[in-house]
N, C-alpha and C. Protein backbone atom coordinates (compact mmCIF):
# COMPACT_ATOMS: atom_id res chain seq x y z
N MET A 1 36.65 26.19 48.00
CA MET A 1 37.08 25.24 47.42
C MET A 1 34.99 24.69 46.69
N LYS A 2 34.29 25.46 47.11
CA LYS A 2 32.97 24.73 46.63
C LYS A 2 32.52 26.07 45.55
N PHE A 3 33.14 26.79 45.25
CA PHE A 3 33.16 27.62 43.74
C PHE A 3 33.52 26.41 42.68
N ALA A 4 35.05 26.10 42.84
CA ALA A 4 34.74 24.92 41.82
C ALA A 4 34.76 23.61 41.72
N ARG A 5 34.27 23.74 43.19
CA ARG A 5 33.39 22.09 43.02
C ARG A 5 32.04 22.17 42.62
N ARG A 6 30.99 22.87 42.23
CA ARG A 6 30.05 23.53 42.07
C ARG A 6 30.42 23.46 40.08
N PHE A 7 31.28 23.61 39.61
CA PHE A 7 30.84 24.32 38.25
C PHE A 7 32.05 22.69 37.66
N THR A 8 32.56 21.41 38.23
CA THR A 8 32.74 20.42 38.01
C THR A 8 32.22 19.52 36.28
N PRO A 9 31.93 19.26 35.61
CA PRO A 9 31.05 19.02 35.60
C PRO A 9 31.20 16.58 35.95
N ILE A 10 30.08 16.84 34.94
CA ILE A 10 29.54 15.03 36.51
C ILE A 10 30.29 14.43 35.27
N TRP A 11 30.57 14.22 34.92
CA TRP A 11 31.55 13.21 34.13
C TRP A 11 32.96 12.93 34.44
N PHE A 12 33.44 14.01 35.77
CA PHE A 12 34.66 14.05 36.07
C PHE A 12 33.89 12.33 37.41
N GLU A 13 33.29 13.20 37.87
CA GLU A 13 33.01 12.15 39.54
C GLU A 13 31.96 10.80 38.48
N LEU A 14 32.14 10.01 38.21
CA LEU A 14 31.77 9.25 37.06
C LEU A 14 32.65 7.91 37.08
N ARG A 15 31.43 6.73 37.72
CA ARG A 15 33.28 5.76 38.21
C ARG A 15 32.78 4.76 37.46
N ARG A 16 33.81 2.64 37.15
CA ARG A 16 34.06 2.56 36.16
C ARG A 16 32.49 2.18 36.30
N SER A 17 31.67 1.98 37.28
CA SER A 17 30.86 0.72 37.52
C SER A 17 29.21 1.74 37.07
N HIS A 18 29.38 2.56 36.76
CA HIS A 18 28.30 4.04 36.38
C HIS A 18 28.83 3.64 34.60
N ILE A 19 29.48 3.79 34.37
CA ILE A 19 29.71 3.93 32.66
C ILE A 19 29.45 2.58 32.45
N LEU A 20 29.30 1.54 32.72
CA LEU A 20 29.28 -0.51 33.03
C LEU A 20 27.98 -0.61 32.24
N ALA A 21 27.14 0.05 33.70
CA ALA A 21 25.67 0.32 33.83
C ALA A 21 25.34 1.25 32.81
N ALA A 22 25.59 2.15 32.28
CA ALA A 22 24.56 2.28 31.14
C ALA A 22 24.86 2.07 30.23
N LEU A 23 25.99 1.82 29.60
CA LEU A 23 26.87 0.61 28.52
C LEU A 23 25.12 -0.49 28.43
N PHE A 24 25.65 -1.02 29.15
CA PHE A 24 24.13 -2.49 29.80
C PHE A 24 23.26 -1.81 29.74
N ALA A 25 22.71 -1.19 30.09
CA ALA A 25 21.04 -0.53 29.78
C ALA A 25 21.41 -0.23 27.96
N LEU A 26 21.72 0.17 27.35
CA LEU A 26 22.05 1.15 26.05
C LEU A 26 21.51 -0.47 25.53
N ALA A 27 22.76 -1.15 25.90
CA ALA A 27 22.37 -2.63 25.74
C ALA A 27 21.22 -3.24 25.15
N ILE A 28 20.46 -3.78 26.31
CA ILE A 28 19.33 -3.97 26.84
C ILE A 28 18.32 -3.32 26.06
N LEU A 29 17.59 -1.85 25.90
CA LEU A 29 17.08 -0.94 24.99
C LEU A 29 17.61 -1.07 23.06
N GLY A 30 18.99 -1.18 23.15
CA GLY A 30 18.66 -1.25 21.32
C GLY A 30 18.42 -2.72 21.02
N GLY A 31 18.40 -4.13 21.79
CA GLY A 31 17.86 -5.22 21.76
C GLY A 31 16.46 -5.67 21.69
N LEU A 32 15.97 -4.36 22.45
CA LEU A 32 14.60 -4.58 22.77
C LEU A 32 14.07 -4.11 21.23
N LEU A 33 14.63 -2.74 20.80
CA LEU A 33 13.99 -2.08 19.77
C LEU A 33 14.60 -2.93 18.75
N PHE A 34 15.65 -3.73 18.85
CA PHE A 34 16.00 -4.62 17.05
C PHE A 34 14.60 -5.77 17.10
N ALA A 35 14.38 -5.96 18.29
CA ALA A 35 14.08 -6.72 18.52
C ALA A 35 11.74 -6.37 17.34
N GLU A 36 11.82 -5.64 18.60
CA GLU A 36 10.31 -5.11 18.37
C GLU A 36 9.88 -4.30 16.62
N THR A 37 10.91 -3.67 16.08
CA THR A 37 10.76 -3.98 14.92
C THR A 37 10.27 -4.22 13.72
N GLY A 38 10.86 -5.93 13.81
CA GLY A 38 10.61 -6.49 13.04
C GLY A 38 11.54 -6.64 12.42
N TRP A 39 12.74 -6.94 12.48
CA TRP A 39 13.66 -7.07 11.46
C TRP A 39 14.23 -8.79 11.42
N VAL A 40 13.83 -9.34 12.61
CA VAL A 40 14.47 -10.78 12.56
C VAL A 40 12.75 -11.34 12.72
N LYS A 41 13.18 -12.15 11.93
CA LYS A 41 12.14 -13.01 11.07
C LYS A 41 12.32 -14.37 12.04
N LEU A 42 10.86 -14.86 12.64
CA LEU A 42 11.27 -15.88 13.33
C LEU A 42 9.98 -16.29 12.80
N ASN A 43 10.36 -18.21 12.32
CA ASN A 43 9.16 -18.96 11.70
C ASN A 43 8.86 -20.19 12.99
N ASN A 44 8.83 -20.33 14.28
CA ASN A 44 7.76 -20.63 15.45
C ASN A 44 8.74 -22.18 15.21
N GLY A 45 9.45 -22.95 14.78
CA GLY A 45 9.98 -24.23 14.76
C GLY A 45 9.98 -24.44 13.25
N PHE A 46 9.06 -24.05 12.13
CA PHE A 46 8.82 -24.46 11.34
C PHE A 46 9.76 -24.37 9.93
N GLY A 47 10.15 -24.47 9.30
CA GLY A 47 11.34 -24.88 8.58
C GLY A 47 10.78 -23.23 7.52
N SER A 48 12.34 -23.06 6.29
CA SER A 48 13.14 -21.99 5.88
C SER A 48 11.71 -21.51 4.53
N ASP A 49 10.34 -22.16 4.75
CA ASP A 49 9.63 -22.63 3.53
C ASP A 49 8.44 -22.49 3.99
N TRP A 50 8.45 -21.75 5.57
CA TRP A 50 7.06 -21.43 5.91
C TRP A 50 7.75 -19.14 6.19
N ASP A 51 6.46 -18.77 6.24
CA ASP A 51 6.27 -17.01 6.78
C ASP A 51 5.48 -17.18 7.66
N CYS A 52 6.40 -15.97 8.83
CA CYS A 52 4.94 -16.70 10.42
C CYS A 52 4.65 -15.32 10.49
N ALA A 53 3.60 -14.70 11.44
CA ALA A 53 3.25 -12.75 11.52
C ALA A 53 2.50 -13.63 12.81
N SER A 54 2.61 -12.61 13.99
CA SER A 54 1.47 -12.52 14.65
C SER A 54 1.11 -11.02 14.72
N PRO A 55 -0.42 -11.69 15.03
CA PRO A 55 -1.41 -10.02 14.39
C PRO A 55 -1.65 -9.83 15.80
N GLY A 56 -0.91 -9.53 16.90
CA GLY A 56 -1.60 -8.53 18.06
C GLY A 56 -1.58 -9.38 19.09
N SER A 57 -2.83 -10.52 18.77
CA SER A 57 -3.29 -10.69 19.83
C SER A 57 -3.48 -12.71 19.34
N GLY A 58 -2.84 -14.11 20.22
CA GLY A 58 -3.33 -14.36 20.39
C GLY A 58 -2.05 -15.74 19.46
N ASP A 59 -1.88 -16.54 18.72
CA ASP A 59 -1.13 -17.62 18.76
C ASP A 59 -0.45 -16.89 16.63
N PRO A 60 0.48 -16.83 16.99
CA PRO A 60 0.86 -17.02 15.18
C PRO A 60 0.68 -17.27 14.24
N VAL A 61 0.57 -16.39 12.91
CA VAL A 61 -0.30 -17.18 11.55
C VAL A 61 0.94 -17.92 10.91
N CYS A 62 1.17 -18.81 10.94
CA CYS A 62 2.04 -18.47 9.20
C CYS A 62 1.45 -19.60 8.74
N ILE A 63 2.03 -19.44 7.84
CA ILE A 63 1.39 -19.54 6.22
C ILE A 63 3.05 -20.15 4.74
N LYS A 64 2.92 -21.31 4.45
CA LYS A 64 3.94 -22.10 3.68
C LYS A 64 3.68 -21.59 2.00
N LYS A 65 5.26 -20.98 2.05
CA LYS A 65 5.36 -20.29 1.02
C LYS A 65 4.95 -21.13 -0.28
N PRO A 66 3.91 -20.58 -1.82
CA PRO A 66 4.18 -21.40 -2.64
C PRO A 66 4.94 -22.47 -2.99
N THR A 67 5.27 -23.08 -3.98
CA THR A 67 5.74 -24.31 -4.33
C THR A 67 6.11 -23.82 -5.73
N HIS A 68 7.06 -23.66 -6.50
CA HIS A 68 6.92 -23.84 -8.27
C HIS A 68 7.08 -24.54 -8.34
N PRO A 69 6.31 -25.58 -9.88
CA PRO A 69 5.95 -25.83 -10.22
C PRO A 69 7.45 -26.67 -11.25
N PRO A 70 7.94 -27.71 -10.95
CA PRO A 70 9.42 -27.60 -12.23
C PRO A 70 8.83 -28.25 -13.47
N GLN A 71 9.55 -26.83 -14.50
CA GLN A 71 9.27 -26.62 -16.02
C GLN A 71 10.15 -27.62 -16.41
């Protein structure tokens, strides 16, 4: 029986807790990747008429979007 056990694929021995742990880890890594790529725009509490960027060190830099004068 040891011969057959040696060739048993590993996924036959996985339990539900192993699969849930792997899915949880993938969700965490996906969330970190999503946040790190800059798809999420944060304006640090300012309104939607502000653009904020993080220069890498220090506080974020926020610039107000220009307003167009009424015509």
